[in-house]
Amino acid sequence: MKLEFWTAMNPSPEHAARFATWAEQVGWDGVAVYDSQNIFADCYVALAIASSATQSLGLSTGVTNPFTRHPATAACAIASIQQASGGRAVLGIGRGNSALAHVGRGPVYMEMF
């Protein structure tokens, strides 16, 4: 097993390249981009920008959820990041507390998750 150290990033398109480049330069193994609709910009746009700006940095959603992102849509989006990044993508998936709170919902029930 390999121990890795990741950091988190706001998915702001205007800062994605600069932050990802910095994270790679200072030695982080990867960056997780917040996927919280109505709070932040789209995480997959930021991941694509970060992919283009880096060579070895891991790239992940931190985290997406199966309610606001249908699993088929999330799979297609992360597969695109995987292809664009040369295999550095990770799909972080969770119950969606913040994304769902801002659309009047609670976290995804464990059965759906």
PDB file of N, CA and C in Angstrom:
ATOM      1  N   MET A   1       0.837  -1.168   0.000  1.00  0.00           N
ATOM      2  CA  MET A   1       0.000   0.000   0.000  1.00  0.00           C
ATOM      3  C   MET A   1       0.891   1.244   0.000  1.00  0.00           C
ATOM      4  N   LYS A   2       0.491   2.229  -0.774  1.00  0.00           N
ATOM      5  CA  LYS A   2       1.231   3.483  -0.895  1.00  0.00           C
ATOM      6  C   LYS A   2       0.504   4.571  -0.108  1.00  0.00           C
ATOM      7  N   LEU A   3       1.213   5.255   0.763  1.00  0.00           N
ATOM      8  CA  LEU A   3       0.658   6.366   1.518  1.00  0.00           C
ATOM      9  C   LEU A   3       0.773   7.627   0.669  1.00  0.00           C
ATOM     10  N   GLU A   4      -0.335   8.323   0.510  1.00  0.00           N
ATOM     11  CA  GLU A   4      -0.337   9.553  -0.278  1.00  0.00           C
ATOM     12  C   GLU A   4      -0.889  10.696   0.556  1.00  0.00           C
ATOM     13  N   PHE A   5      -0.494  11.896   0.210  1.00  0.00           N
ATOM     14  CA  PHE A   5      -0.979  13.099   0.866  1.00  0.00           C
ATOM     15  C   PHE A   5      -1.645  13.996  -0.167  1.00  0.00           C
ATOM     16  N   TRP A   6      -2.916  14.271   0.069  1.00  0.00           N
ATOM     17  CA  TRP A   6      -3.718  15.084  -0.847  1.00  0.00           C
ATOM     18  C   TRP A   6      -4.174  16.345  -0.124  1.00  0.00           C
ATOM     19  N   THR A   7      -4.471  17.362  -0.913  1.00  0.00           N
ATOM     20  CA  THR A   7      -5.028  18.592  -0.393  1.00  0.00           C
ATOM     21  C   THR A   7      -6.343  18.866  -1.122  1.00  0.00           C
ATOM     22  N   ALA A   8      -7.087  19.831  -0.657  1.00  0.00           N
ATOM     23  CA  ALA A   8      -8.377  20.169  -1.271  1.00  0.00           C
ATOM     24  C   ALA A   8      -8.293  21.534  -1.934  1.00  0.00           C
ATOM     25  N   MET A   9      -9.153  21.707  -2.938  1.00  0.00           N
ATOM     26  CA  MET A   9      -9.125  22.934  -3.724  1.00  0.00           C
ATOM     27  C   MET A   9     -10.544  23.385  -4.045  1.00  0.00           C
ATOM     28  N   ASN A  10     -10.777  24.670  -3.914  1.00  0.00           N
ATOM     29  CA  ASN A  10     -11.999  25.292  -4.397  1.00  0.00           C
ATOM     30  C   ASN A  10     -11.971  25.195  -5.929  1.00  0.00           C
ATOM     31  N   PRO A  11     -13.082  24.811  -6.572  1.00  0.00           N
ATOM     32  CA  PRO A  11     -13.053  24.608  -8.025  1.00  0.00           C
ATOM     33  C   PRO A  11     -13.140  25.874  -8.870  1.00  0.00           C
ATOM     34  N   SER A  12     -12.670  26.970  -8.376  1.00  0.00           N
ATOM     35  CA  SER A  12     -12.686  28.222  -9.120  1.00  0.00           C
ATOM     36  C   SER A  12     -11.849  28.088 -10.393  1.00  0.00           C
ATOM     37  N   PRO A  13     -12.462  28.229 -11.570  1.00  0.00           N
ATOM     38  CA  PRO A  13     -11.704  28.079 -12.818  1.00  0.00           C
ATOM     39  C   PRO A  13     -10.515  29.027 -12.932  1.00  0.00           C
ATOM     40  N   GLU A  14     -10.649  30.243 -12.401  1.00  0.00           N
ATOM     41  CA  GLU A  14      -9.556  31.205 -12.523  1.00  0.00           C
ATOM     42  C   GLU A  14      -8.369  30.892 -11.615  1.00  0.00           C
ATOM     43  N   HIS A  15      -8.544  30.004 -10.639  1.00  0.00           N
ATOM     44  CA  HIS A  15      -7.449  29.657  -9.733  1.00  0.00           C
ATOM     45  C   HIS A  15      -6.990  28.202  -9.864  1.00  0.00           C
ATOM     46  N   ALA A  16      -7.697  27.394 -10.626  1.00  0.00           N
ATOM     47  CA  ALA A  16      -7.413  25.953 -10.685  1.00  0.00           C
ATOM     48  C   ALA A  16      -6.001  25.644 -11.164  1.00  0.00           C
ATOM     49  N   ALA A  17      -5.571  26.266 -12.237  1.00  0.00           N
ATOM     50  CA  ALA A  17      -4.233  25.977 -12.773  1.00  0.00           C
ATOM     51  C   ALA A  17      -3.152  26.395 -11.788  1.00  0.00           C
ATOM     52  N   ARG A  18      -3.284  27.592 -11.231  1.00  0.00           N
ATOM     53  CA  ARG A  18      -2.268  28.093 -10.306  1.00  0.00           C
ATOM     54  C   ARG A  18      -2.191  27.230  -9.047  1.00  0.00           C
ATOM     55  N   PHE A  19      -3.342  26.870  -8.469  1.00  0.00           N
ATOM     56  CA  PHE A  19      -3.328  26.062  -7.253  1.00  0.00           C
ATOM     57  C   PHE A  19      -2.780  24.664  -7.530  1.00  0.00           C
ATOM     58  N   ALA A  20      -3.226  24.051  -8.610  1.00  0.00           N
ATOM     59  CA  ALA A  20      -2.761  22.694  -8.936  1.00  0.00           C
ATOM     60  C   ALA A  20      -1.263  22.676  -9.211  1.00  0.00           C
ATOM     61  N   THR A  21      -0.769  23.676  -9.917  1.00  0.00           N
ATOM     62  CA  THR A  21       0.666  23.769 -10.180  1.00  0.00           C
ATOM     63  C   THR A  21       1.433  23.915  -8.878  1.00  0.00           C
ATOM     64  N   TRP A  22       0.948  24.777  -7.994  1.00  0.00           N
ATOM     65  CA  TRP A  22       1.583  24.943  -6.686  1.00  0.00           C
ATOM     66  C   TRP A  22       1.578  23.621  -5.912  1.00  0.00           C
ATOM     67  N   ALA A  23       0.426  22.944  -5.866  1.00  0.00           N
ATOM     68  CA  ALA A  23       0.315  21.684  -5.118  1.00  0.00           C
ATOM     69  C   ALA A  23       1.310  20.647  -5.634  1.00  0.00           C
ATOM     70  N   GLU A  24       1.445  20.564  -6.934  1.00  0.00           N
ATOM     71  CA  GLU A  24       2.394  19.621  -7.523  1.00  0.00           C
ATOM     72  C   GLU A  24       3.839  20.014  -7.181  1.00  0.00           C
ATOM     73  N   GLN A  25       4.147  21.291  -7.260  1.00  0.00           N
ATOM     74  CA  GLN A  25       5.508  21.764  -7.003  1.00  0.00           C
ATOM     75  C   GLN A  25       5.941  21.551  -5.557  1.00  0.00           C
ATOM     76  N   VAL A  26       5.025  21.693  -4.609  1.00  0.00           N
ATOM     77  CA  VAL A  26       5.405  21.552  -3.191  1.00  0.00           C
ATOM     78  C   VAL A  26       5.310  20.109  -2.707  1.00  0.00           C
ATOM     79  N   GLY A  27       4.865  19.198  -3.576  1.00  0.00           N
ATOM     80  CA  GLY A  27       4.931  17.788  -3.239  1.00  0.00           C
ATOM     81  C   GLY A  27       3.650  17.074  -2.851  1.00  0.00           C
ATOM     82  N   TRP A  28       2.502  17.718  -2.979  1.00  0.00           N
ATOM     83  CA  TRP A  28       1.253  17.004  -2.733  1.00  0.00           C
ATOM     84  C   TRP A  28       1.097  15.911  -3.782  1.00  0.00           C
ATOM     85  N   ASP A  29       0.523  14.773  -3.378  1.00  0.00           N
ATOM     86  CA  ASP A  29       0.280  13.676  -4.318  1.00  0.00           C
ATOM     87  C   ASP A  29      -0.963  13.929  -5.168  1.00  0.00           C
ATOM     88  N   GLY A  30      -1.919  14.656  -4.615  1.00  0.00           N
ATOM     89  CA  GLY A  30      -3.137  14.904  -5.362  1.00  0.00           C
ATOM     90  C   GLY A  30      -3.927  16.056  -4.779  1.00  0.00           C
ATOM     91  N   VAL A  31      -4.941  16.436  -5.527  1.00  0.00           N
ATOM     92  CA  VAL A  31      -5.843  17.497  -5.099  1.00  0.00           C
ATOM     93  C   VAL A  31      -7.276  17.028  -5.309  1.00  0.00           C
ATOM     94  N   ALA A  32      -8.099  17.217  -4.278  1.00  0.00           N
ATOM     95  CA  ALA A  32      -9.524  16.911  -4.363  1.00  0.00           C
ATOM     96  C   ALA A  32     -10.269  18.228  -4.539  1.00  0.00           C
ATOM     97  N   VAL A  33     -11.158  18.260  -5.510  1.00  0.00           N
ATOM     98  CA  VAL A  33     -11.892  19.475  -5.837  1.00  0.00           C
ATOM     99  C   VAL A  33     -13.318  19.351  -5.315  1.00  0.00           C
ATOM    100  N   TYR A  34     -13.744  20.348  -4.551  1.00  0.00           N
ATOM    101  CA  TYR A  34     -15.085  20.334  -3.972  1.00  0.00           C
ATOM    102  C   TYR A  34     -16.148  20.231  -5.060  1.00  0.00           C
ATOM    103  N   ASP A  35     -17.133  19.361  -4.854  1.00  0.00           N
ATOM    104  CA  ASP A  35     -18.285  19.259  -5.756  1.00  0.00           C
ATOM    105  C   ASP A  35     -19.528  19.585  -4.949  1.00  0.00           C
ATOM    106  N   SER A  36     -19.781  20.860  -4.797  1.00  0.00           N
ATOM    107  CA  SER A  36     -20.917  21.310  -4.005  1.00  0.00           C
ATOM    108  C   SER A  36     -21.661  22.378  -4.789  1.00  0.00           C
ATOM    109  N   GLN A  37     -22.682  21.940  -5.498  1.00  0.00           N
ATOM    110  CA  GLN A  37     -23.452  22.849  -6.333  1.00  0.00           C
ATOM    111  C   GLN A  37     -24.048  23.972  -5.479  1.00  0.00           C
ATOM    112  N   ASN A  38     -24.221  25.115  -6.082  1.00  0.00           N
ATOM    113  CA  ASN A  38     -24.766  26.314  -5.467  1.00  0.00           C
ATOM    114  C   ASN A  38     -23.808  26.984  -4.493  1.00  0.00           C
ATOM    115  N   ILE A  39     -22.641  26.410  -4.293  1.00  0.00           N
ATOM    116  CA  ILE A  39     -21.615  27.027  -3.449  1.00  0.00           C
ATOM    117  C   ILE A  39     -20.385  27.330  -4.296  1.00  0.00           C
ATOM    118  N   PHE A  40     -19.978  26.367  -5.118  1.00  0.00           N
ATOM    119  CA  PHE A  40     -18.749  26.474  -5.896  1.00  0.00           C
ATOM    120  C   PHE A  40     -19.039  26.278  -7.382  1.00  0.00           C
ATOM    121  N   ALA A  41     -18.052  26.623  -8.193  1.00  0.00           N
ATOM    122  CA  ALA A  41     -18.117  26.366  -9.631  1.00  0.00           C
ATOM    123  C   ALA A  41     -18.029  24.857  -9.876  1.00  0.00           C
ATOM    124  N   ASP A  42     -18.195  24.446 -11.118  1.00  0.00           N
ATOM    125  CA  ASP A  42     -18.210  23.021 -11.454  1.00  0.00           C
ATOM    126  C   ASP A  42     -16.844  22.378 -11.247  1.00  0.00           C
ATOM    127  N   CYS A  43     -16.835  21.279 -10.514  1.00  0.00           N
ATOM    128  CA  CYS A  43     -15.577  20.601 -10.174  1.00  0.00           C
ATOM    129  C   CYS A  43     -14.890  19.999 -11.390  1.00  0.00           C
ATOM    130  N   TYR A  44     -15.645  19.528 -12.364  1.00  0.00           N
ATOM    131  CA  TYR A  44     -15.020  18.870 -13.522  1.00  0.00           C
ATOM    132  C   TYR A  44     -14.323  19.871 -14.437  1.00  0.00           C
ATOM    133  N   VAL A  45     -14.806  21.086 -14.487  1.00  0.00           N
ATOM    134  CA  VAL A  45     -14.105  22.136 -15.231  1.00  0.00           C
ATOM    135  C   VAL A  45     -12.761  22.400 -14.553  1.00  0.00           C
ATOM    136  N   ALA A  46     -12.773  22.542 -13.236  1.00  0.00           N
ATOM    137  CA  ALA A  46     -11.528  22.778 -12.493  1.00  0.00           C
ATOM    138  C   ALA A  46     -10.563  21.605 -12.640  1.00  0.00           C
ATOM    139  N   LEU A  47     -11.073  20.378 -12.594  1.00  0.00           N
ATOM    140  CA  LEU A  47     -10.204  19.212 -12.759  1.00  0.00           C
ATOM    141  C   LEU A  47      -9.570  19.184 -14.150  1.00  0.00           C
ATOM    142  N   ALA A  48     -10.318  19.552 -15.167  1.00  0.00           N
ATOM    143  CA  ALA A  48      -9.763  19.590 -16.524  1.00  0.00           C
ATOM    144  C   ALA A  48      -8.659  20.649 -16.626  1.00  0.00           C
ATOM    145  N   ILE A  49      -8.900  21.805 -16.039  1.00  0.00           N
ATOM    146  CA  ILE A  49      -7.887  22.862 -16.055  1.00  0.00           C
ATOM    147  C   ILE A  49      -6.644  22.406 -15.290  1.00  0.00           C
ATOM    148  N   ALA A  50      -6.852  21.813 -14.117  1.00  0.00           N
ATOM    149  CA  ALA A  50      -5.732  21.325 -13.308  1.00  0.00           C
ATOM    150  C   ALA A  50      -4.955  20.239 -14.031  1.00  0.00           C
ATOM    151  N   SER A  51      -5.664  19.406 -14.758  1.00  0.00           N
ATOM    152  CA  SER A  51      -5.013  18.340 -15.530  1.00  0.00           C
ATOM    153  C   SER A  51      -4.060  18.917 -16.567  1.00  0.00           C
ATOM    154  N   SER A  52      -4.500  19.949 -17.238  1.00  0.00           N
ATOM    155  CA  SER A  52      -3.681  20.567 -18.281  1.00  0.00           C
ATOM    156  C   SER A  52      -2.460  21.291 -17.723  1.00  0.00           C
ATOM    157  N   ALA A  53      -2.548  21.714 -16.465  1.00  0.00           N
ATOM    158  CA  ALA A  53      -1.473  22.494 -15.863  1.00  0.00           C
ATOM    159  C   ALA A  53      -0.438  21.653 -15.122  1.00  0.00           C
ATOM    160  N   THR A  54      -0.697  20.345 -14.978  1.00  0.00           N
ATOM    161  CA  THR A  54       0.175  19.495 -14.162  1.00  0.00           C
ATOM    162  C   THR A  54       0.585  18.238 -14.922  1.00  0.00           C
ATOM    163  N   GLN A  55       1.587  17.531 -14.369  1.00  0.00           N
ATOM    164  CA  GLN A  55       2.083  16.310 -15.000  1.00  0.00           C
ATOM    165  C   GLN A  55       1.836  15.059 -14.171  1.00  0.00           C
ATOM    166  N   SER A  56       1.903  15.167 -12.852  1.00  0.00           N
ATOM    167  CA  SER A  56       1.831  13.973 -12.009  1.00  0.00           C
ATOM    168  C   SER A  56       0.810  14.054 -10.891  1.00  0.00           C
ATOM    169  N   LEU A  57       0.212  15.187 -10.668  1.00  0.00           N
ATOM    170  CA  LEU A  57      -0.725  15.398  -9.573  1.00  0.00           C
ATOM    171  C   LEU A  57      -1.989  14.563  -9.752  1.00  0.00           C
ATOM    172  N   GLY A  58      -2.388  13.822  -8.714  1.00  0.00           N
ATOM    173  CA  GLY A  58      -3.661  13.112  -8.738  1.00  0.00           C
ATOM    174  C   GLY A  58      -4.801  14.110  -8.707  1.00  0.00           C
ATOM    175  N   LEU A  59      -5.924  13.753  -9.316  1.00  0.00           N
ATOM    176  CA  LEU A  59      -7.056  14.671  -9.462  1.00  0.00           C
ATOM    177  C   LEU A  59      -8.341  13.957  -9.070  1.00  0.00           C
ATOM    178  N   SER A  60      -9.072  14.530  -8.120  1.00  0.00           N
ATOM    179  CA  SER A  60     -10.256  13.849  -7.608  1.00  0.00           C
ATOM    180  C   SER A  60     -11.393  14.816  -7.318  1.00  0.00           C
ATOM    181  N   THR A  61     -12.600  14.286  -7.370  1.00  0.00           N
ATOM    182  CA  THR A  61     -13.730  15.006  -6.810  1.00  0.00           C
ATOM    183  C   THR A  61     -13.659  14.821  -5.303  1.00  0.00           C
ATOM    184  N   GLY A  62     -14.093  15.823  -4.562  1.00  0.00           N
ATOM    185  CA  GLY A  62     -13.972  15.707  -3.116  1.00  0.00           C
ATOM    186  C   GLY A  62     -15.178  16.289  -2.381  1.00  0.00           C
ATOM    187  N   VAL A  63     -16.264  15.699  -2.384  1.00  0.00           N
ATOM    188  CA  VAL A  63     -16.710  14.480  -3.058  1.00  0.00           C
ATOM    189  C   VAL A  63     -17.974  14.777  -3.835  1.00  0.00           C
ATOM    190  N   THR A  64     -18.275  13.913  -4.787  1.00  0.00           N
ATOM    191  CA  THR A  64     -19.535  14.019  -5.507  1.00  0.00           C
ATOM    192  C   THR A  64     -20.558  13.123  -4.828  1.00  0.00           C
ATOM    193  N   ASN A  65     -21.821  13.233  -5.217  1.00  0.00           N
ATOM    194  CA  ASN A  65     -22.842  12.377  -4.614  1.00  0.00           C
ATOM    195  C   ASN A  65     -23.803  11.878  -5.686  1.00  0.00           C
ATOM    196  N   PRO A  66     -24.455  10.746  -5.438  1.00  0.00           N
ATOM    197  CA  PRO A  66     -25.304  10.133  -6.460  1.00  0.00           C
ATOM    198  C   PRO A  66     -26.688  10.757  -6.610  1.00  0.00           C
ATOM    199  N   PHE A  67     -26.952  11.862  -5.928  1.00  0.00           N
ATOM    200  CA  PHE A  67     -28.245  12.518  -6.096  1.00  0.00           C
ATOM    201  C   PHE A  67     -28.137  13.707  -7.045  1.00  0.00           C
ATOM    202  N   THR A  68     -27.194  14.611  -6.796  1.00  0.00           N
ATOM    203  CA  THR A  68     -27.059  15.764  -7.686  1.00  0.00           C
ATOM    204  C   THR A  68     -26.252  15.444  -8.934  1.00  0.00           C
ATOM    205  N   ARG A  69     -25.474  14.377  -8.886  1.00  0.00           N
ATOM    206  CA  ARG A  69     -24.742  13.891 -10.068  1.00  0.00           C
ATOM    207  C   ARG A  69     -25.168  12.441 -10.285  1.00  0.00           C
ATOM    208  N   HIS A  70     -25.978  12.219 -11.282  1.00  0.00           N
ATOM    209  CA  HIS A  70     -26.378  10.842 -11.584  1.00  0.00           C
ATOM    210  C   HIS A  70     -25.115  10.015 -11.785  1.00  0.00           C
ATOM    211  N   PRO A  71     -25.085   8.768 -11.289  1.00  0.00           N
ATOM    212  CA  PRO A  71     -23.873   7.945 -11.419  1.00  0.00           C
ATOM    213  C   PRO A  71     -23.343   7.822 -12.855  1.00  0.00           C
ATOM    214  N   ALA A  72     -24.232   7.749 -13.833  1.00  0.00           N
ATOM    215  CA  ALA A  72     -23.777   7.656 -15.224  1.00  0.00           C
ATOM    216  C   ALA A  72     -23.095   8.947 -15.667  1.00  0.00           C
ATOM    217  N   THR A  73     -23.619  10.086 -15.231  1.00  0.00           N
ATOM    218  CA  THR A  73     -23.029  11.375 -15.567  1.00  0.00           C
ATOM    219  C   THR A  73     -21.678  11.549 -14.882  1.00  0.00           C
ATOM    220  N   ALA A  74     -21.609  11.189 -13.598  1.00  0.00           N
ATOM    221  CA  ALA A  74     -20.338  11.275 -12.866  1.00  0.00           C
ATOM    222  C   ALA A  74     -19.293  10.351 -13.488  1.00  0.00           C
ATOM    223  N   ALA A  75     -19.701   9.154 -13.876  1.00  0.00           N
ATOM    224  CA  ALA A  75     -18.767   8.202 -14.486  1.00  0.00           C
ATOM    225  C   ALA A  75     -18.212   8.744 -15.797  1.00  0.00           C
ATOM    226  N   CYS A  76     -19.064   9.328 -16.604  1.00  0.00           N
ATOM    227  CA  CYS A  76     -18.621   9.893 -17.879  1.00  0.00           C
ATOM    228  C   CYS A  76     -17.666  11.069 -17.648  1.00  0.00           C
ATOM    229  N   ALA A  77     -18.004  11.922 -16.698  1.00  0.00           N
ATOM    230  CA  ALA A  77     -17.171  13.095 -16.426  1.00  0.00           C
ATOM    231  C   ALA A  77     -15.802  12.690 -15.901  1.00  0.00           C
ATOM    232  N   ILE A  78     -15.747  11.774 -14.937  1.00  0.00           N
ATOM    233  CA  ILE A  78     -14.449  11.385 -14.377  1.00  0.00           C
ATOM    234  C   ILE A  78     -13.649  10.566 -15.392  1.00  0.00           C
ATOM    235  N   ALA A  79     -14.328   9.819 -16.260  1.00  0.00           N
ATOM    236  CA  ALA A  79     -13.623   9.089 -17.324  1.00  0.00           C
ATOM    237  C   ALA A  79     -12.954  10.069 -18.286  1.00  0.00           C
ATOM    238  N   SER A  80     -13.607  11.194 -18.537  1.00  0.00           N
ATOM    239  CA  SER A  80     -13.006  12.223 -19.388  1.00  0.00           C
ATOM    240  C   SER A  80     -11.770  12.816 -18.731  1.00  0.00           C
ATOM    241  N   ILE A  81     -11.832  13.073 -17.419  1.00  0.00           N
ATOM    242  CA  ILE A  81     -10.675  13.578 -16.688  1.00  0.00           C
ATOM    243  C   ILE A  81      -9.565  12.528 -16.676  1.00  0.00           C
ATOM    244  N   GLN A  82      -9.944  11.268 -16.521  1.00  0.00           N
ATOM    245  CA  GLN A  82      -8.964  10.174 -16.538  1.00  0.00           C
ATOM    246  C   GLN A  82      -8.206  10.160 -17.867  1.00  0.00           C
ATOM    247  N   GLN A  83      -8.934  10.296 -18.950  1.00  0.00           N
ATOM    248  CA  GLN A  83      -8.314  10.291 -20.278  1.00  0.00           C
ATOM    249  C   GLN A  83      -7.442  11.529 -20.480  1.00  0.00           C
ATOM    250  N   ALA A  84      -7.972  12.696 -20.116  1.00  0.00           N
ATOM    251  CA  ALA A  84      -7.226  13.942 -20.311  1.00  0.00           C
ATOM    252  C   ALA A  84      -5.962  14.004 -19.461  1.00  0.00           C
ATOM    253  N   SER A  85      -6.006  13.378 -18.293  1.00  0.00           N
ATOM    254  CA  SER A  85      -4.876  13.466 -17.359  1.00  0.00           C
ATOM    255  C   SER A  85      -3.865  12.341 -17.517  1.00  0.00           C
ATOM    256  N   GLY A  86      -4.126  11.416 -18.399  1.00  0.00           N
ATOM    257  CA  GLY A  86      -3.224  10.286 -18.550  1.00  0.00           C
ATOM    258  C   GLY A  86      -3.292   9.304 -17.399  1.00  0.00           C
ATOM    259  N   GLY A  87      -4.469   9.174 -16.808  1.00  0.00           N
ATOM    260  CA  GLY A  87      -4.669   8.169 -15.762  1.00  0.00           C
ATOM    261  C   GLY A  87      -4.513   8.655 -14.332  1.00  0.00           C
ATOM    262  N   ARG A  88      -4.687   9.931 -14.080  1.00  0.00           N
ATOM    263  CA  ARG A  88      -4.496  10.468 -12.726  1.00  0.00           C
ATOM    264  C   ARG A  88      -5.784  10.763 -11.980  1.00  0.00           C
ATOM    265  N   ALA A  89      -6.931  10.381 -12.526  1.00  0.00           N
ATOM    266  CA  ALA A  89      -8.220  10.738 -11.928  1.00  0.00           C
ATOM    267  C   ALA A  89      -8.697   9.713 -10.905  1.00  0.00           C
ATOM    268  N   VAL A  90      -9.396  10.229  -9.903  1.00  0.00           N
ATOM    269  CA  VAL A  90     -10.031   9.414  -8.861  1.00  0.00           C
ATOM    270  C   VAL A  90     -11.427   9.975  -8.654  1.00  0.00           C
ATOM    271  N   LEU A  91     -12.425   9.108  -8.564  1.00  0.00           N
ATOM    272  CA  LEU A  91     -13.782   9.564  -8.261  1.00  0.00           C
ATOM    273  C   LEU A  91     -14.011   9.443  -6.769  1.00  0.00           C
ATOM    274  N   GLY A  92     -14.054  10.580  -6.099  1.00  0.00           N
ATOM    275  CA  GLY A  92     -14.413  10.611  -4.681  1.00  0.00           C
ATOM    276  C   GLY A  92     -15.921  10.749  -4.595  1.00  0.00           C
ATOM    277  N   ILE A  93     -16.572   9.834  -3.920  1.00  0.00           N
ATOM    278  CA  ILE A  93     -18.031   9.849  -3.829  1.00  0.00           C
ATOM    279  C   ILE A  93     -18.454   9.776  -2.370  1.00  0.00           C
ATOM    280  N   GLY A  94     -19.472  10.529  -2.019  1.00  0.00           N
ATOM    281  CA  GLY A  94     -19.973  10.564  -0.654  1.00  0.00           C
ATOM    282  C   GLY A  94     -21.461  10.842  -0.629  1.00  0.00           C
ATOM    283  N   ARG A  95     -21.978  11.142   0.548  1.00  0.00           N
ATOM    284  CA  ARG A  95     -23.417  11.300   0.726  1.00  0.00           C
ATOM    285  C   ARG A  95     -23.940  12.680   0.348  1.00  0.00           C
ATOM    286  N   GLY A  96     -23.085  13.668   0.148  1.00  0.00           N
ATOM    287  CA  GLY A  96     -23.510  14.955  -0.393  1.00  0.00           C
ATOM    288  C   GLY A  96     -24.103  15.938   0.582  1.00  0.00           C
ATOM    289  N   ASN A  97     -23.551  16.056   1.757  1.00  0.00           N
ATOM    290  CA  ASN A  97     -24.136  16.928   2.771  1.00  0.00           C
ATOM    291  C   ASN A  97     -24.293  18.368   2.306  1.00  0.00           C
ATOM    292  N   SER A  98     -23.222  19.035   1.887  1.00  0.00           N
ATOM    293  CA  SER A  98     -23.327  20.454   1.551  1.00  0.00           C
ATOM    294  C   SER A  98     -24.062  20.686   0.241  1.00  0.00           C
ATOM    295  N   ALA A  99     -23.799  19.863  -0.772  1.00  0.00           N
ATOM    296  CA  ALA A  99     -24.486  20.045  -2.058  1.00  0.00           C
ATOM    297  C   ALA A  99     -25.992  19.883  -1.894  1.00  0.00           C
ATOM    298  N   LEU A 100     -26.406  18.922  -1.113  1.00  0.00           N
ATOM    299  CA  LEU A 100     -27.832  18.666  -0.951  1.00  0.00           C
ATOM    300  C   LEU A 100     -28.495  19.649   0.005  1.00  0.00           C
ATOM    301  N   ALA A 101     -27.778  20.129   0.996  1.00  0.00           N
ATOM    302  CA  ALA A 101     -28.346  21.098   1.934  1.00  0.00           C
ATOM    303  C   ALA A 101     -28.795  22.358   1.214  1.00  0.00           C
ATOM    304  N   HIS A 102     -28.066  22.750   0.177  1.00  0.00           N
ATOM    305  CA  HIS A 102     -28.399  23.980  -0.536  1.00  0.00           C
ATOM    306  C   HIS A 102     -29.504  23.815  -1.570  1.00  0.00           C
ATOM    307  N   VAL A 103     -30.015  22.607  -1.724  1.00  0.00           N
ATOM    308  CA  VAL A 103     -31.207  22.392  -2.554  1.00  0.00           C
ATOM    309  C   VAL A 103     -32.345  21.835  -1.699  1.00  0.00           C
ATOM    310  N   GLY A 104     -32.232  22.037  -0.380  1.00  0.00           N
ATOM    311  CA  GLY A 104     -33.304  21.666   0.536  1.00  0.00           C
ATOM    312  C   GLY A 104     -33.414  20.182   0.834  1.00  0.00           C
ATOM    313  N   ARG A 105     -32.341  19.429   0.685  1.00  0.00           N
ATOM    314  CA  ARG A 105     -32.351  17.982   0.931  1.00  0.00           C
ATOM    315  C   ARG A 105     -31.337  17.626   1.991  1.00  0.00           C
ATOM    316  N   GLY A 106     -31.546  16.460   2.589  1.00  0.00           N
ATOM    317  CA  GLY A 106     -30.558  15.893   3.503  1.00  0.00           C
ATOM    318  C   GLY A 106     -29.605  15.015   2.736  1.00  0.00           C
ATOM    319  N   PRO A 107     -28.585  14.499   3.413  1.00  0.00           N
ATOM    320  CA  PRO A 107     -27.640  13.597   2.749  1.00  0.00           C
ATOM    321  C   PRO A 107     -28.344  12.381   2.155  1.00  0.00           C
ATOM    322  N   VAL A 108     -27.741  11.818   1.129  1.00  0.00           N
ATOM    323  CA  VAL A 108     -28.270  10.616   0.488  1.00  0.00           C
ATOM    324  C   VAL A 108     -28.388   9.495   1.513  1.00  0.00           C
ATOM    325  N   TYR A 109     -29.516   8.807   1.495  1.00  0.00           N
ATOM    326  CA  TYR A 109     -29.683   7.649   2.388  1.00  0.00           C
ATOM    327  C   TYR A 109     -28.688   6.556   2.026  1.00  0.00           C
ATOM    328  N   MET A 110     -28.273   5.816   3.014  1.00  0.00           N
ATOM    329  CA  MET A 110     -27.273   4.767   2.790  1.00  0.00           C
ATOM    330  C   MET A 110     -27.724   3.761   1.730  1.00  0.00           C
ATOM    331  N   GLU A 111     -29.023   3.467   1.663  1.00  0.00           N
ATOM    332  CA  GLU A 111     -29.508   2.516   0.658  1.00  0.00           C
ATOM    333  C   GLU A 111     -29.251   3.027  -0.751  1.00  0.00           C
ATOM    334  N   MET A 112     -29.446   4.310  -0.987  1.00  0.00           N
ATOM    335  CA  MET A 112     -29.191   4.885  -2.314  1.00  0.00           C
ATOM    336  C   MET A 112     -27.693   4.963  -2.565  1.00  0.00           C
ATOM    337  N   PHE A 113     -26.960   5.312  -1.507  1.00  0.00           N
ATOM    338  CA  PHE A 113     -25.518   5.434  -1.633  1.00  0.00           C
ATOM    339  C   PHE A 113     -24.898   4.107  -1.995  1.00  0.00           C
TER     340      PHE A 113
END
